């Protein structure tokens, strides 16, 4: 599996394989497990998805850091990738973490599709 390098590439691949709705469902499931009140409609536009997810990550970093760490744990974002990010700019950090979250969720959906 070749992981997408950009948000747009991830969305194109998910749409091409008709897995965009599964990606949304996986996000909703993991946010529910993390006890974070955020649910996406399955017909949400990719740009809105990215914006809302990034705002949520930003708010979690700023206000509820323990919930943020719990979310990363539940989604299973690789710790080394998080540590490699520059934490000096919280806005940039939230954008980078948003992509890591989406990329990990995409892996789960893709593997489930391939091997089920």
C-alpha atoms as a PDB file:
ATOM      1  CA  UNK A   1       0.000   0.000   0.000  1.00  0.00           C
ATOM      2  CA  UNK A   2       1.327   3.397  -1.029  1.00  0.00           C
ATOM      3  CA  UNK A   3       0.253   5.983   1.558  1.00  0.00           C
ATOM      4  CA  UNK A   4      -1.012   9.288   0.194  1.00  0.00           C
ATOM      5  CA  UNK A   5       1.373  12.229   0.498  1.00  0.00           C
ATOM      6  CA  UNK A   6      -1.282  14.971   0.564  1.00  0.00           C
ATOM      7  CA  UNK A   7      -4.834  15.477   1.717  1.00  0.00           C
ATOM      8  CA  UNK A   8      -6.037  15.855  -1.880  1.00  0.00           C
ATOM      9  CA  UNK A   9      -4.355  12.612  -2.927  1.00  0.00           C
ATOM     10  CA  UNK A  10      -5.960  10.801   0.009  1.00  0.00           C
ATOM     11  CA  UNK A  11      -9.436  12.092  -0.902  1.00  0.00           C
ATOM     12  CA  UNK A  12      -8.943  11.280  -4.600  1.00  0.00           C
ATOM     13  CA  UNK A  13      -7.922   7.726  -3.783  1.00  0.00           C
ATOM     14  CA  UNK A  14     -10.778   7.239  -1.295  1.00  0.00           C
ATOM     15  CA  UNK A  15     -13.296   8.583  -3.806  1.00  0.00           C
ATOM     16  CA  UNK A  16     -11.837   6.541  -6.670  1.00  0.00           C
ATOM     17  CA  UNK A  17     -12.172   3.339  -4.622  1.00  0.00           C
ATOM     18  CA  UNK A  18     -15.631   4.359  -3.350  1.00  0.00           C
ATOM     19  CA  UNK A  19     -14.355   4.320   0.234  1.00  0.00           C
ATOM     20  CA  UNK A  20     -14.918   7.960   1.206  1.00  0.00           C
ATOM     21  CA  UNK A  21     -18.074   7.063   3.179  1.00  0.00           C
ATOM     22  CA  UNK A  22     -16.182   4.282   4.962  1.00  0.00           C
ATOM     23  CA  UNK A  23     -13.499   6.809   5.901  1.00  0.00           C
ATOM     24  CA  UNK A  24     -16.155   9.065   7.438  1.00  0.00           C
ATOM     25  CA  UNK A  25     -17.688   6.115   9.286  1.00  0.00           C
ATOM     26  CA  UNK A  26     -14.278   5.140  10.686  1.00  0.00           C
ATOM     27  CA  UNK A  27     -13.641   8.703  11.857  1.00  0.00           C
ATOM     28  CA  UNK A  28     -17.040   8.825  13.538  1.00  0.00           C
ATOM     29  CA  UNK A  29     -16.432   5.475  15.226  1.00  0.00           C
ATOM     30  CA  UNK A  30     -13.020   6.437  16.608  1.00  0.00           C
ATOM     31  CA  UNK A  31     -14.183   9.862  17.795  1.00  0.00           C
ATOM     32  CA  UNK A  32     -17.056   8.156  19.585  1.00  0.00           C
ATOM     33  CA  UNK A  33     -14.609   5.724  21.245  1.00  0.00           C
ATOM     34  CA  UNK A  34     -12.481   8.701  22.294  1.00  0.00           C
ATOM     35  CA  UNK A  35     -15.565  10.297  23.863  1.00  0.00           C
ATOM     36  CA  UNK A  36     -15.259  13.396  21.678  1.00  0.00           C
ATOM     37  CA  UNK A  37     -18.527  14.911  20.581  1.00  0.00           C
ATOM     38  CA  UNK A  38     -17.923  15.133  16.860  1.00  0.00           C
ATOM     39  CA  UNK A  39     -19.800  13.335  14.142  1.00  0.00           C
ATOM     40  CA  UNK A  40     -19.570  13.867  10.422  1.00  0.00           C
ATOM     41  CA  UNK A  41     -22.416  13.413   7.948  1.00  0.00           C
ATOM     42  CA  UNK A  42     -21.453  10.891   5.300  1.00  0.00           C
ATOM     43  CA  UNK A  43     -22.118  13.442   2.558  1.00  0.00           C
ATOM     44  CA  UNK A  44     -19.752  16.062   4.010  1.00  0.00           C
ATOM     45  CA  UNK A  45     -17.496  17.744   1.472  1.00  0.00           C
ATOM     46  CA  UNK A  46     -13.811  16.879   1.839  1.00  0.00           C
ATOM     47  CA  UNK A  47     -12.852  20.528   2.380  1.00  0.00           C
ATOM     48  CA  UNK A  48     -15.395  20.834   5.192  1.00  0.00           C
ATOM     49  CA  UNK A  49     -14.191  17.571   6.686  1.00  0.00           C
ATOM     50  CA  UNK A  50     -10.620  18.828   6.779  1.00  0.00           C
ATOM     51  CA  UNK A  51     -11.602  22.219   8.211  1.00  0.00           C
ATOM     52  CA  UNK A  52     -13.828  20.838  10.976  1.00  0.00           C
ATOM     53  CA  UNK A  53     -11.351  18.118  11.876  1.00  0.00           C
ATOM     54  CA  UNK A  54      -8.472  20.601  11.990  1.00  0.00           C
ATOM     55  CA  UNK A  55     -10.469  23.016  14.179  1.00  0.00           C
ATOM     56  CA  UNK A  56     -11.313  20.160  16.542  1.00  0.00           C
ATOM     57  CA  UNK A  57      -7.695  19.013  16.766  1.00  0.00           C
ATOM     58  CA  UNK A  58      -6.594  22.613  17.397  1.00  0.00           C
ATOM     59  CA  UNK A  59      -9.160  23.022  20.175  1.00  0.00           C
ATOM     60  CA  UNK A  60      -8.151  19.712  21.749  1.00  0.00           C
ATOM     61  CA  UNK A  61      -4.467  20.688  21.737  1.00  0.00           C
ATOM     62  CA  UNK A  62      -5.263  24.065  23.293  1.00  0.00           C
ATOM     63  CA  UNK A  63      -7.971  23.130  25.792  1.00  0.00           C
ATOM     64  CA  UNK A  64      -8.151  19.355  26.326  1.00  0.00           C
ATOM     65  CA  UNK A  65      -4.690  17.937  25.807  1.00  0.00           C
ATOM     66  CA  UNK A  66      -5.461  14.662  27.589  1.00  0.00           C
ATOM     67  CA  UNK A  67      -8.429  14.078  25.257  1.00  0.00           C
ATOM     68  CA  UNK A  68      -6.148  14.885  22.310  1.00  0.00           C
ATOM     69  CA  UNK A  69      -3.618  12.259  23.411  1.00  0.00           C
ATOM     70  CA  UNK A  70      -6.415   9.749  24.000  1.00  0.00           C
ATOM     71  CA  UNK A  71      -7.743  10.369  20.477  1.00  0.00           C
ATOM     72  CA  UNK A  72      -4.307   9.791  18.958  1.00  0.00           C
ATOM     73  CA  UNK A  73      -4.013   6.574  20.950  1.00  0.00           C
ATOM     74  CA  UNK A  74      -7.438   5.292  19.879  1.00  0.00           C
ATOM     75  CA  UNK A  75      -6.842   6.135  16.229  1.00  0.00           C
ATOM     76  CA  UNK A  76      -3.359   4.628  16.568  1.00  0.00           C
ATOM     77  CA  UNK A  77      -1.407   7.470  14.999  1.00  0.00           C
ATOM     78  CA  UNK A  78       2.282   6.456  15.119  1.00  0.00           C
ATOM     79  CA  UNK A  79       4.021   8.176  18.023  1.00  0.00           C
ATOM     80  CA  UNK A  80       7.232   8.736  16.077  1.00  0.00           C
ATOM     81  CA  UNK A  81       5.311  10.684  13.423  1.00  0.00           C
ATOM     82  CA  UNK A  82       3.747  12.908  16.081  1.00  0.00           C
ATOM     83  CA  UNK A  83       7.118  13.486  17.741  1.00  0.00           C
ATOM     84  CA  UNK A  84       8.656  14.430  14.395  1.00  0.00           C
ATOM     85  CA  UNK A  85       6.260  17.386  14.023  1.00  0.00           C
ATOM     86  CA  UNK A  86       7.215  20.925  14.984  1.00  0.00           C
ATOM     87  CA  UNK A  87       5.097  21.952  17.961  1.00  0.00           C
ATOM     88  CA  UNK A  88       6.046  25.646  17.937  1.00  0.00           C
ATOM     89  CA  UNK A  89       3.131  26.675  15.723  1.00  0.00           C
ATOM     90  CA  UNK A  90      -0.081  25.155  17.081  1.00  0.00           C
ATOM     91  CA  UNK A  91      -2.048  25.986  13.949  1.00  0.00           C
ATOM     92  CA  UNK A  92       0.473  24.201  11.713  1.00  0.00           C
ATOM     93  CA  UNK A  93       0.671  21.350  14.203  1.00  0.00           C
ATOM     94  CA  UNK A  94      -3.107  20.894  14.106  1.00  0.00           C
ATOM     95  CA  UNK A  95      -3.014  20.786  10.299  1.00  0.00           C
ATOM     96  CA  UNK A  96      -0.223  18.201  10.298  1.00  0.00           C
ATOM     97  CA  UNK A  97      -1.915  16.057  12.949  1.00  0.00           C
ATOM     98  CA  UNK A  98      -5.196  16.242  11.029  1.00  0.00           C
ATOM     99  CA  UNK A  99      -3.474  14.736   7.998  1.00  0.00           C
ATOM    100  CA  UNK A 100      -1.845  12.029  10.139  1.00  0.00           C
ATOM    101  CA  UNK A 101      -5.256  11.162  11.597  1.00  0.00           C
ATOM    102  CA  UNK A 102      -6.852  10.971   8.160  1.00  0.00           C
ATOM    103  CA  UNK A 103      -3.953   8.944   6.799  1.00  0.00           C
ATOM    104  CA  UNK A 104      -4.198   6.402   9.642  1.00  0.00           C
ATOM    105  CA  UNK A 105      -7.963   6.148   9.293  1.00  0.00           C
ATOM    106  CA  UNK A 106      -7.485   5.655   5.549  1.00  0.00           C
ATOM    107  CA  UNK A 107      -5.089   2.768   6.240  1.00  0.00           C
ATOM    108  CA  UNK A 108      -7.706   1.065   8.429  1.00  0.00           C
ATOM    109  CA  UNK A 109     -10.418   1.457   5.796  1.00  0.00           C
ATOM    110  CA  UNK A 110      -8.184   0.367   2.923  1.00  0.00           C
ATOM    111  CA  UNK A 111      -6.905  -2.730   4.731  1.00  0.00           C
ATOM    112  CA  UNK A 112     -10.405  -3.713   5.793  1.00  0.00           C
ATOM    113  CA  UNK A 113     -11.569  -3.399   2.186  1.00  0.00           C
ATOM    114  CA  UNK A 114      -8.636  -5.394   0.812  1.00  0.00           C
ATOM    115  CA  UNK A 115      -8.725  -8.245   3.315  1.00  0.00           C
ATOM    116  CA  UNK A 116     -12.360  -8.789   4.120  1.00  0.00           C
END
